[in-house]
Amino acid sequence: MDISISLFILLSLISGIVHSENILFLLPISSKSHKNVYDPLISALALNGHNITVVSSVKPSKNIPLVHEITPTTSEEVFAKYVNPFEARKLSTLKRLFYGADHWIDICHQVYKNEEIQHLLQHGQFDLTIVNGIGNNCFYGMLYQFKCPTMALLTLPAANFITERLGTHLPPSHVPLSFLDLTEKMTFTQRLTNSLVQWMIKLAEKLYYSRIYREFKNQYHGESSPEIAQIASNISMLLVNSHISMNPSMPLLPDIVEIGGMHCKPAKPVKPVWILCFDYY
């Protein structure tokens, strides 16, 4: 009986080791609000025994077992030359498409030259990579190098220029871009604006950003590595921080999952507060 119990415990331990995965969260260009969306997923995976490596611009507020944080840059550095969000709203849509691109490429170089990142590129072995789906295209060469399944997470509602990588087309006549402040009930002018802006984004990607990212990828991963668009098309699943109760409904395929509210914490009970009022005459 003692031998049977010992064998059972040993097999249980071995089973736990076998099912422990090495997972990389790749979000070097991100803000504190972006990291807040990822944190519950990181904590839950670590709690289930997985080994987590997080590359982020936000320093962790606390240490979590099985989570190794790498901070090759900071959010202050990432957004040092980026215009204040309130001022950015005053810029034209065309200016916002190109604003800050050169600075972010400098940040990408800074990340790649970090010693911990260099060690990660040389020795890192992962079973899954989860990448920030916005603003991190210069790191897609890593996705190819690690040769493991990849998921992306969007901290905003899904946009066509992201979902089309997975084969899902969101009709601009019905699905508005989240940063245009439009609803599902668009007028003809709003539908036209929504369509033109999405066309401009595709044009900017094709004529401007793709060339920059290609040169960057070739520098660190060689010209033989696939194009950024090809690497992006191999993303297996997209997690989107949206929900039909808060955002316009979207015709999504099963590989795009809405997780809006994942980062919300249970509300704390309201404590009664006694206020004494005095009248002065």
C-alpha atoms as a PDB file:
ATOM      1  CA  MET A   1       0.000   0.000   0.000  1.00  0.00           C
ATOM      2  CA  ASP A   2       2.837   2.403   0.904  1.00  0.00           C
ATOM      3  CA  ILE A   3       4.575   1.642  -2.395  1.00  0.00           C
ATOM      4  CA  SER A   4       1.340   2.330  -4.320  1.00  0.00           C
ATOM      5  CA  ILE A   5       0.870   5.673  -2.596  1.00  0.00           C
ATOM      6  CA  SER A   6       4.487   6.635  -3.273  1.00  0.00           C
ATOM      7  CA  LEU A   7       4.142   5.739  -6.967  1.00  0.00           C
ATOM      8  CA  PHE A   8       0.910   7.724  -7.215  1.00  0.00           C
ATOM      9  CA  ILE A   9       2.559  10.824  -5.711  1.00  0.00           C
ATOM     10  CA  LEU A  10       5.584  10.425  -7.984  1.00  0.00           C
ATOM     11  CA  LEU A  11       3.424  10.096 -11.107  1.00  0.00           C
ATOM     12  CA  SER A  12       1.384  13.126 -10.032  1.00  0.00           C
ATOM     13  CA  LEU A  13       4.539  15.221  -9.688  1.00  0.00           C
ATOM     14  CA  ILE A  14       5.846  14.070 -13.068  1.00  0.00           C
ATOM     15  CA  SER A  15       2.483  14.866 -14.657  1.00  0.00           C
ATOM     16  CA  GLY A  16       2.605  18.378 -13.198  1.00  0.00           C
ATOM     17  CA  ILE A  17       6.076  18.931 -14.637  1.00  0.00           C
ATOM     18  CA  VAL A  18       5.064  17.656 -18.072  1.00  0.00           C
ATOM     19  CA  HIS A  19       2.083  20.005 -18.277  1.00  0.00           C
ATOM     20  CA  SER A  20       4.081  23.063 -17.177  1.00  0.00           C
ATOM     21  CA  GLU A  21       4.608  25.314 -20.213  1.00  0.00           C
ATOM     22  CA  ASN A  22       7.072  28.123 -20.892  1.00  0.00           C
ATOM     23  CA  ILE A  23       5.064  31.163 -21.976  1.00  0.00           C
ATOM     24  CA  LEU A  24       6.423  34.486 -23.235  1.00  0.00           C
ATOM     25  CA  PHE A  25       4.436  37.720 -22.954  1.00  0.00           C
ATOM     26  CA  LEU A  26       5.944  40.103 -25.493  1.00  0.00           C
ATOM     27  CA  LEU A  27       4.798  43.684 -24.883  1.00  0.00           C
ATOM     28  CA  PRO A  28       7.862  45.968 -24.844  1.00  0.00           C
ATOM     29  CA  ILE A  29       5.941  48.914 -26.312  1.00  0.00           C
ATOM     30  CA  SER A  30       2.986  49.327 -24.016  1.00  0.00           C
ATOM     31  CA  SER A  31       1.559  51.599 -21.357  1.00  0.00           C
ATOM     32  CA  LYS A  32       0.508  50.914 -17.796  1.00  0.00           C
ATOM     33  CA  SER A  33      -3.104  50.562 -18.945  1.00  0.00           C
ATOM     34  CA  HIS A  34      -2.049  47.901 -21.478  1.00  0.00           C
ATOM     35  CA  LYS A  35      -0.193  45.936 -18.804  1.00  0.00           C
ATOM     36  CA  ASN A  36      -3.240  46.097 -16.518  1.00  0.00           C
ATOM     37  CA  VAL A  37      -5.204  44.075 -19.085  1.00  0.00           C
ATOM     38  CA  TYR A  38      -2.482  41.403 -19.258  1.00  0.00           C
ATOM     39  CA  ASP A  39      -1.811  41.087 -15.515  1.00  0.00           C
ATOM     40  CA  PRO A  40      -4.795  38.835 -14.609  1.00  0.00           C
ATOM     41  CA  LEU A  41      -3.886  36.411 -17.422  1.00  0.00           C
ATOM     42  CA  ILE A  42      -0.233  36.373 -16.355  1.00  0.00           C
ATOM     43  CA  SER A  43      -1.179  35.710 -12.723  1.00  0.00           C
ATOM     44  CA  ALA A  44      -3.696  32.979 -13.611  1.00  0.00           C
ATOM     45  CA  LEU A  45      -1.212  31.107 -15.832  1.00  0.00           C
ATOM     46  CA  ALA A  46       1.494  31.312 -13.166  1.00  0.00           C
ATOM     47  CA  LEU A  47      -0.988  30.119 -10.539  1.00  0.00           C
ATOM     48  CA  ASN A  48      -1.600  27.047 -12.713  1.00  0.00           C
ATOM     49  CA  GLY A  49       2.095  26.178 -12.656  1.00  0.00           C
ATOM     50  CA  HIS A  50       3.316  27.656 -15.942  1.00  0.00           C
ATOM     51  CA  ASN A  51       6.667  29.427 -16.250  1.00  0.00           C
ATOM     52  CA  ILE A  52       6.030  32.965 -17.448  1.00  0.00           C
ATOM     53  CA  THR A  53       8.514  35.419 -18.969  1.00  0.00           C
ATOM     54  CA  VAL A  54       7.214  38.957 -19.394  1.00  0.00           C
ATOM     55  CA  VAL A  55       8.992  41.539 -21.555  1.00  0.00           C
ATOM     56  CA  SER A  56       7.351  44.850 -20.721  1.00  0.00           C
ATOM     57  CA  SER A  57       8.022  48.561 -20.310  1.00  0.00           C
ATOM     58  CA  VAL A  58       6.140  48.565 -16.999  1.00  0.00           C
ATOM     59  CA  LYS A  59       7.977  47.472 -13.881  1.00  0.00           C
ATOM     60  CA  PRO A  60       6.010  44.948 -11.780  1.00  0.00           C
ATOM     61  CA  SER A  61       4.419  46.234  -8.598  1.00  0.00           C
ATOM     62  CA  LYS A  62       4.989  42.882  -6.870  1.00  0.00           C
ATOM     63  CA  ASN A  63       6.887  39.658  -7.420  1.00  0.00           C
ATOM     64  CA  ILE A  64       4.816  36.644  -8.487  1.00  0.00           C
ATOM     65  CA  PRO A  65       6.214  33.082  -8.240  1.00  0.00           C
ATOM     66  CA  LEU A  66       7.099  31.562 -11.655  1.00  0.00           C
ATOM     67  CA  VAL A  67       6.959  34.995 -13.331  1.00  0.00           C
ATOM     68  CA  HIS A  68      10.221  36.481 -14.618  1.00  0.00           C
ATOM     69  CA  GLU A  69       9.902  40.139 -15.615  1.00  0.00           C
ATOM     70  CA  ILE A  70      12.273  41.819 -18.088  1.00  0.00           C
ATOM     71  CA  THR A  71      12.052  45.607 -18.410  1.00  0.00           C
ATOM     72  CA  PRO A  72      14.391  46.673 -21.248  1.00  0.00           C
ATOM     73  CA  THR A  73      12.801  50.130 -21.391  1.00  0.00           C
ATOM     74  CA  THR A  74      10.223  52.135 -19.451  1.00  0.00           C
ATOM     75  CA  SER A  75       6.865  53.618 -20.346  1.00  0.00           C
ATOM     76  CA  GLU A  76       8.335  57.071 -19.772  1.00  0.00           C
ATOM     77  CA  GLU A  77      10.962  56.374 -22.434  1.00  0.00           C
ATOM     78  CA  VAL A  78       8.444  54.801 -24.805  1.00  0.00           C
ATOM     79  CA  PHE A  79       6.131  57.808 -24.692  1.00  0.00           C
ATOM     80  CA  ALA A  80       8.800  60.486 -24.098  1.00  0.00           C
ATOM     81  CA  LYS A  81       8.331  62.082 -27.532  1.00  0.00           C
ATOM     82  CA  TYR A  82       4.704  61.132 -27.981  1.00  0.00           C
ATOM     83  CA  VAL A  83       2.215  63.941 -27.801  1.00  0.00           C
ATOM     84  CA  ASN A  84      -0.180  64.207 -24.858  1.00  0.00           C
ATOM     85  CA  PRO A  85      -3.308  62.099 -25.611  1.00  0.00           C
ATOM     86  CA  PHE A  86      -5.535  65.167 -25.205  1.00  0.00           C
ATOM     87  CA  GLU A  87      -3.387  67.088 -27.681  1.00  0.00           C
ATOM     88  CA  ALA A  88      -3.269  64.077 -30.031  1.00  0.00           C
ATOM     89  CA  ARG A  89      -7.032  64.277 -30.439  1.00  0.00           C
ATOM     90  CA  LYS A  90      -6.544  67.727 -31.992  1.00  0.00           C
ATOM     91  CA  LEU A  91      -4.263  66.340 -34.722  1.00  0.00           C
ATOM     92  CA  SER A  92      -5.654  65.246 -38.048  1.00  0.00           C
ATOM     93  CA  THR A  93      -6.170  61.536 -38.615  1.00  0.00           C
ATOM     94  CA  LEU A  94      -3.367  61.527 -41.198  1.00  0.00           C
ATOM     95  CA  LYS A  95      -0.855  63.061 -38.760  1.00  0.00           C
ATOM     96  CA  ARG A  96      -1.830  60.588 -36.047  1.00  0.00           C
ATOM     97  CA  LEU A  97      -1.104  57.677 -38.405  1.00  0.00           C
ATOM     98  CA  PHE A  98       2.563  58.651 -38.723  1.00  0.00           C
ATOM     99  CA  TYR A  99       3.213  60.431 -35.435  1.00  0.00           C
ATOM    100  CA  GLY A 100       5.952  58.945 -33.251  1.00  0.00           C
ATOM    101  CA  ALA A 101       6.975  56.165 -35.664  1.00  0.00           C
ATOM    102  CA  ASP A 102      10.671  57.126 -35.772  1.00  0.00           C
ATOM    103  CA  HIS A 103      10.876  57.383 -31.995  1.00  0.00           C
ATOM    104  CA  TRP A 104       9.284  53.967 -31.500  1.00  0.00           C
ATOM    105  CA  ILE A 105      11.792  52.404 -33.889  1.00  0.00           C
ATOM    106  CA  ASP A 106      14.545  53.861 -31.672  1.00  0.00           C
ATOM    107  CA  ILE A 107      12.857  52.147 -28.714  1.00  0.00           C
ATOM    108  CA  CYS A 108      12.811  48.868 -30.667  1.00  0.00           C
ATOM    109  CA  HIS A 109      16.585  49.117 -31.163  1.00  0.00           C
ATOM    110  CA  GLN A 110      17.000  49.842 -27.457  1.00  0.00           C
ATOM    111  CA  VAL A 111      15.007  46.733 -26.554  1.00  0.00           C
ATOM    112  CA  TYR A 112      17.010  44.458 -28.874  1.00  0.00           C
ATOM    113  CA  LYS A 113      20.323  45.743 -27.489  1.00  0.00           C
ATOM    114  CA  ASN A 114      19.311  44.955 -23.902  1.00  0.00           C
ATOM    115  CA  GLU A 115      21.498  42.189 -22.395  1.00  0.00           C
ATOM    116  CA  GLU A 116      18.560  40.194 -21.034  1.00  0.00           C
ATOM    117  CA  ILE A 117      16.823  40.338 -24.421  1.00  0.00           C
ATOM    118  CA  GLN A 118      19.995  39.190 -26.160  1.00  0.00           C
ATOM    119  CA  HIS A 119      20.215  36.243 -23.750  1.00  0.00           C
ATOM    120  CA  LEU A 120      16.533  35.514 -24.400  1.00  0.00           C
ATOM    121  CA  LEU A 121      17.099  35.466 -28.169  1.00  0.00           C
ATOM    122  CA  GLN A 122      20.057  33.109 -27.842  1.00  0.00           C
ATOM    123  CA  HIS A 123      18.720  30.688 -25.242  1.00  0.00           C
ATOM    124  CA  GLY A 124      14.959  31.236 -24.930  1.00  0.00           C
ATOM    125  CA  GLN A 125      12.682  28.254 -25.634  1.00  0.00           C
ATOM    126  CA  PHE A 126       8.944  28.761 -25.382  1.00  0.00           C
ATOM    127  CA  ASP A 127       5.763  26.766 -25.910  1.00  0.00           C
ATOM    128  CA  LEU A 128       3.588  29.850 -26.471  1.00  0.00           C
ATOM    129  CA  THR A 129       4.101  33.559 -27.170  1.00  0.00           C
ATOM    130  CA  ILE A 130       1.449  36.188 -26.430  1.00  0.00           C
ATOM    131  CA  VAL A 131       2.216  39.506 -28.111  1.00  0.00           C
ATOM    132  CA  ASN A 132       0.708  42.963 -27.709  1.00  0.00           C
ATOM    133  CA  GLY A 133      -1.213  43.373 -30.972  1.00  0.00           C
ATOM    134  CA  ILE A 134      -0.738  47.149 -31.204  1.00  0.00           C
ATOM    135  CA  GLY A 135       2.575  48.914 -31.904  1.00  0.00           C
ATOM    136  CA  ASN A 136       4.895  45.910 -31.517  1.00  0.00           C
ATOM    137  CA  ASN A 137       5.387  44.876 -35.156  1.00  0.00           C
ATOM    138  CA  CYS A 138       9.146  45.393 -34.934  1.00  0.00           C
ATOM    139  CA  PHE A 139       9.320  42.408 -32.556  1.00  0.00           C
ATOM    140  CA  TYR A 140       7.563  39.969 -34.889  1.00  0.00           C
ATOM    141  CA  GLY A 141      10.948  38.603 -35.928  1.00  0.00           C
ATOM    142  CA  MET A 142      11.132  37.106 -32.425  1.00  0.00           C
ATOM    143  CA  LEU A 143       7.889  35.239 -33.073  1.00  0.00           C
ATOM    144  CA  TYR A 144       9.507  33.558 -36.057  1.00  0.00           C
ATOM    145  CA  GLN A 145      12.759  32.842 -34.224  1.00  0.00           C
ATOM    146  CA  PHE A 146      11.116  31.151 -31.234  1.00  0.00           C
ATOM    147  CA  LYS A 147       9.042  28.961 -33.601  1.00  0.00           C
ATOM    148  CA  CYS A 148       6.150  28.362 -31.235  1.00  0.00           C
ATOM    149  CA  PRO A 149       2.394  29.033 -31.427  1.00  0.00           C
ATOM    150  CA  THR A 150       1.503  32.699 -31.080  1.00  0.00           C
ATOM    151  CA  MET A 151      -1.497  34.547 -29.706  1.00  0.00           C
ATOM    152  CA  ALA A 152      -2.104  38.303 -29.770  1.00  0.00           C
ATOM    153  CA  LEU A 153      -3.987  40.430 -27.275  1.00  0.00           C
ATOM    154  CA  LEU A 154      -5.603  43.753 -28.121  1.00  0.00           C
ATOM    155  CA  THR A 155      -6.319  46.228 -25.355  1.00  0.00           C
ATOM    156  CA  LEU A 156      -8.786  48.003 -27.668  1.00  0.00           C
ATOM    157  CA  PRO A 157     -11.756  46.706 -29.657  1.00  0.00           C
ATOM    158  CA  ALA A 158     -10.712  44.797 -32.771  1.00  0.00           C
ATOM    159  CA  ALA A 159      -9.809  46.780 -35.872  1.00  0.00           C
ATOM    160  CA  ASN A 160      -9.807  45.580 -39.454  1.00  0.00           C
ATOM    161  CA  PHE A 161      -6.066  46.054 -39.990  1.00  0.00           C
ATOM    162  CA  ILE A 162      -5.518  43.575 -37.122  1.00  0.00           C
ATOM    163  CA  THR A 163      -8.302  41.036 -37.668  1.00  0.00           C
ATOM    164  CA  GLU A 164      -7.556  40.631 -41.378  1.00  0.00           C
ATOM    165  CA  ARG A 165      -4.283  38.958 -40.375  1.00  0.00           C
ATOM    166  CA  LEU A 166      -6.434  36.105 -39.071  1.00  0.00           C
ATOM    167  CA  GLY A 167      -8.770  36.138 -42.069  1.00  0.00           C
ATOM    168  CA  THR A 168     -11.638  38.113 -40.504  1.00  0.00           C
ATOM    169  CA  HIS A 169     -12.883  41.147 -42.433  1.00  0.00           C
ATOM    170  CA  LEU A 170     -14.915  43.675 -40.454  1.00  0.00           C
ATOM    171  CA  PRO A 171     -17.064  45.684 -42.908  1.00  0.00           C
ATOM    172  CA  PRO A 172     -16.242  49.393 -42.379  1.00  0.00           C
ATOM    173  CA  SER A 173     -19.814  50.218 -43.330  1.00  0.00           C
ATOM    174  CA  HIS A 174     -21.003  48.537 -40.110  1.00  0.00           C
ATOM    175  CA  VAL A 175     -18.034  48.201 -37.698  1.00  0.00           C
ATOM    176  CA  PRO A 176     -16.500  51.542 -36.625  1.00  0.00           C
ATOM    177  CA  LEU A 177     -12.880  52.055 -35.577  1.00  0.00           C
ATOM    178  CA  SER A 178     -12.727  52.476 -31.831  1.00  0.00           C
ATOM    179  CA  PHE A 179     -10.668  55.694 -31.965  1.00  0.00           C
ATOM    180  CA  LEU A 180     -13.103  57.512 -34.275  1.00  0.00           C
ATOM    181  CA  ASP A 181     -15.831  57.880 -31.622  1.00  0.00           C
ATOM    182  CA  LEU A 182     -18.459  56.335 -33.867  1.00  0.00           C
ATOM    183  CA  THR A 183     -21.291  53.934 -33.071  1.00  0.00           C
ATOM    184  CA  GLU A 184     -22.963  51.175 -35.078  1.00  0.00           C
ATOM    185  CA  LYS A 185     -25.622  53.664 -36.202  1.00  0.00           C
ATOM    186  CA  MET A 186     -23.475  55.656 -38.621  1.00  0.00           C
ATOM    187  CA  THR A 187     -24.675  58.188 -41.133  1.00  0.00           C
ATOM    188  CA  PHE A 188     -23.524  57.967 -44.735  1.00  0.00           C
ATOM    189  CA  THR A 189     -20.812  60.567 -44.077  1.00  0.00           C
ATOM    190  CA  GLN A 190     -19.601  58.631 -41.011  1.00  0.00           C
ATOM    191  CA  ARG A 191     -19.531  55.351 -42.940  1.00  0.00           C
ATOM    192  CA  LEU A 192     -17.520  57.063 -45.666  1.00  0.00           C
ATOM    193  CA  THR A 193     -15.109  58.521 -43.098  1.00  0.00           C
ATOM    194  CA  ASN A 194     -14.727  55.159 -41.389  1.00  0.00           C
ATOM    195  CA  SER A 195     -13.965  53.480 -44.723  1.00  0.00           C
ATOM    196  CA  LEU A 196     -11.485  56.157 -45.853  1.00  0.00           C
ATOM    197  CA  VAL A 197      -9.553  56.088 -42.573  1.00  0.00           C
ATOM    198  CA  GLN A 198      -9.212  52.315 -42.747  1.00  0.00           C
ATOM    199  CA  TRP A 199      -8.030  52.612 -46.343  1.00  0.00           C
ATOM    200  CA  MET A 200      -5.463  55.224 -45.231  1.00  0.00           C
ATOM    201  CA  ILE A 201      -4.207  52.891 -42.477  1.00  0.00           C
ATOM    202  CA  LYS A 202      -3.678  50.083 -44.997  1.00  0.00           C
ATOM    203  CA  LEU A 203      -1.909  52.474 -47.367  1.00  0.00           C
ATOM    204  CA  ALA A 204       0.360  53.782 -44.594  1.00  0.00           C
ATOM    205  CA  GLU A 205       1.179  50.200 -43.586  1.00  0.00           C
ATOM    206  CA  LYS A 206       2.004  49.177 -47.148  1.00  0.00           C
ATOM    207  CA  LEU A 207       3.979  52.239 -48.263  1.00  0.00           C
ATOM    208  CA  TYR A 208       5.639  53.338 -45.023  1.00  0.00           C
ATOM    209  CA  TYR A 209       5.588  51.009 -42.016  1.00  0.00           C
ATOM    210  CA  SER A 210       6.221  47.741 -43.879  1.00  0.00           C
ATOM    211  CA  ARG A 211       9.506  49.099 -45.255  1.00  0.00           C
ATOM    212  CA  ILE A 212      10.678  50.271 -41.818  1.00  0.00           C
ATOM    213  CA  TYR A 213       9.786  46.981 -40.139  1.00  0.00           C
ATOM    214  CA  ARG A 214      11.363  44.958 -42.962  1.00  0.00           C
ATOM    215  CA  GLU A 215      14.687  46.784 -42.566  1.00  0.00           C
ATOM    216  CA  PHE A 216      14.526  46.337 -38.797  1.00  0.00           C
ATOM    217  CA  LYS A 217      13.725  42.621 -39.071  1.00  0.00           C
ATOM    218  CA  ASN A 218      16.508  42.030 -41.593  1.00  0.00           C
ATOM    219  CA  GLN A 219      19.026  43.722 -39.288  1.00  0.00           C
ATOM    220  CA  TYR A 220      18.303  41.447 -36.313  1.00  0.00           C
ATOM    221  CA  HIS A 221      16.943  38.261 -37.890  1.00  0.00           C
ATOM    222  CA  GLY A 222      18.404  38.184 -41.393  1.00  0.00           C
ATOM    223  CA  GLU A 223      16.908  38.706 -44.833  1.00  0.00           C
ATOM    224  CA  SER A 224      15.981  35.034 -45.082  1.00  0.00           C
ATOM    225  CA  SER A 225      13.343  35.411 -42.347  1.00  0.00           C
ATOM    226  CA  PRO A 226       9.720  35.786 -43.556  1.00  0.00           C
ATOM    227  CA  GLU A 227       8.051  39.140 -44.105  1.00  0.00           C
ATOM    228  CA  ILE A 228       6.294  40.742 -41.127  1.00  0.00           C
ATOM    229  CA  ALA A 229       2.889  40.274 -42.780  1.00  0.00           C
ATOM    230  CA  GLN A 230       3.555  36.553 -43.236  1.00  0.00           C
ATOM    231  CA  ILE A 231       4.625  36.146 -39.607  1.00  0.00           C
ATOM    232  CA  ALA A 232       1.544  38.059 -38.450  1.00  0.00           C
ATOM    233  CA  SER A 233      -0.728  35.804 -40.530  1.00  0.00           C
ATOM    234  CA  ASN A 234       0.443  32.817 -38.457  1.00  0.00           C
ATOM    235  CA  ILE A 235      -1.045  34.203 -35.231  1.00  0.00           C
ATOM    236  CA  SER A 236      -3.367  31.443 -33.999  1.00  0.00           C
ATOM    237  CA  MET A 237      -5.763  33.420 -31.806  1.00  0.00           C
ATOM    238  CA  LEU A 238      -6.628  37.009 -30.977  1.00  0.00           C
ATOM    239  CA  LEU A 239      -7.926  38.077 -27.559  1.00  0.00           C
ATOM    240  CA  VAL A 240      -9.779  41.396 -27.681  1.00  0.00           C
ATOM    241  CA  ASN A 241     -10.548  43.705 -24.766  1.00  0.00           C
ATOM    242  CA  SER A 242     -14.137  44.359 -25.790  1.00  0.00           C
ATOM    243  CA  HIS A 243     -17.623  43.016 -25.106  1.00  0.00           C
ATOM    244  CA  ILE A 244     -20.975  43.339 -26.814  1.00  0.00           C
ATOM    245  CA  SER A 245     -22.415  44.970 -23.674  1.00  0.00           C
ATOM    246  CA  MET A 246     -19.931  47.853 -24.007  1.00  0.00           C
ATOM    247  CA  ASN A 247     -18.860  47.968 -27.663  1.00  0.00           C
ATOM    248  CA  PRO A 248     -20.467  47.606 -31.101  1.00  0.00           C
ATOM    249  CA  SER A 249     -21.193  44.031 -32.115  1.00  0.00           C
ATOM    250  CA  MET A 250     -18.694  42.499 -34.536  1.00  0.00           C
ATOM    251  CA  PRO A 251     -18.944  39.452 -36.836  1.00  0.00           C
ATOM    252  CA  LEU A 252     -16.004  37.526 -35.354  1.00  0.00           C
ATOM    253  CA  LEU A 253     -14.759  34.044 -36.212  1.00  0.00           C
ATOM    254  CA  PRO A 254     -14.011  31.572 -33.374  1.00  0.00           C
ATOM    255  CA  ASP A 255     -10.283  32.428 -33.327  1.00  0.00           C
ATOM    256  CA  ILE A 256     -11.073  35.988 -32.150  1.00  0.00           C
ATOM    257  CA  VAL A 257     -12.355  35.991 -28.580  1.00  0.00           C
ATOM    258  CA  GLU A 258     -13.757  38.990 -26.705  1.00  0.00           C
ATOM    259  CA  ILE A 259     -12.434  39.166 -23.143  1.00  0.00           C
ATOM    260  CA  GLY A 260     -13.738  42.590 -22.112  1.00  0.00           C
ATOM    261  CA  GLY A 261     -13.736  42.956 -18.328  1.00  0.00           C
ATOM    262  CA  MET A 262     -11.095  40.267 -17.755  1.00  0.00           C
ATOM    263  CA  HIS A 263      -8.963  42.743 -15.817  1.00  0.00           C
ATOM    264  CA  CYS A 264     -11.815  44.014 -13.650  1.00  0.00           C
ATOM    265  CA  LYS A 265     -11.694  43.155  -9.971  1.00  0.00           C
ATOM    266  CA  PRO A 266     -14.731  42.358  -7.795  1.00  0.00           C
ATOM    267  CA  ALA A 267     -16.235  45.459  -6.260  1.00  0.00           C
ATOM    268  CA  LYS A 268     -15.611  46.058  -2.575  1.00  0.00           C
ATOM    269  CA  PRO A 269     -18.614  46.618  -0.302  1.00  0.00           C
ATOM    270  CA  VAL A 270     -19.393  50.257   0.393  1.00  0.00           C
ATOM    271  CA  LYS A 271     -18.661  51.180   3.975  1.00  0.00           C
ATOM    272  CA  PRO A 272     -21.149  53.519   5.668  1.00  0.00           C
ATOM    273  CA  VAL A 273     -19.783  56.980   6.310  1.00  0.00           C
ATOM    274  CA  TRP A 274     -21.294  59.149   9.004  1.00  0.00           C
ATOM    275  CA  ILE A 275     -21.226  62.828   8.261  1.00  0.00           C
ATOM    276  CA  LEU A 276     -21.903  65.333  11.008  1.00  0.00           C
ATOM    277  CA  CYS A 277     -23.424  68.570   9.819  1.00  0.00           C
ATOM    278  CA  PHE A 278     -23.313  71.704  11.881  1.00  0.00           C
ATOM    279  CA  ASP A 279     -25.276  74.843  11.278  1.00  0.00           C
ATOM    280  CA  TYR A 280     -23.621  78.110  12.095  1.00  0.00           C
ATOM    281  CA  TYR A 281     -25.633  81.254  12.675  1.00  0.00           C
END
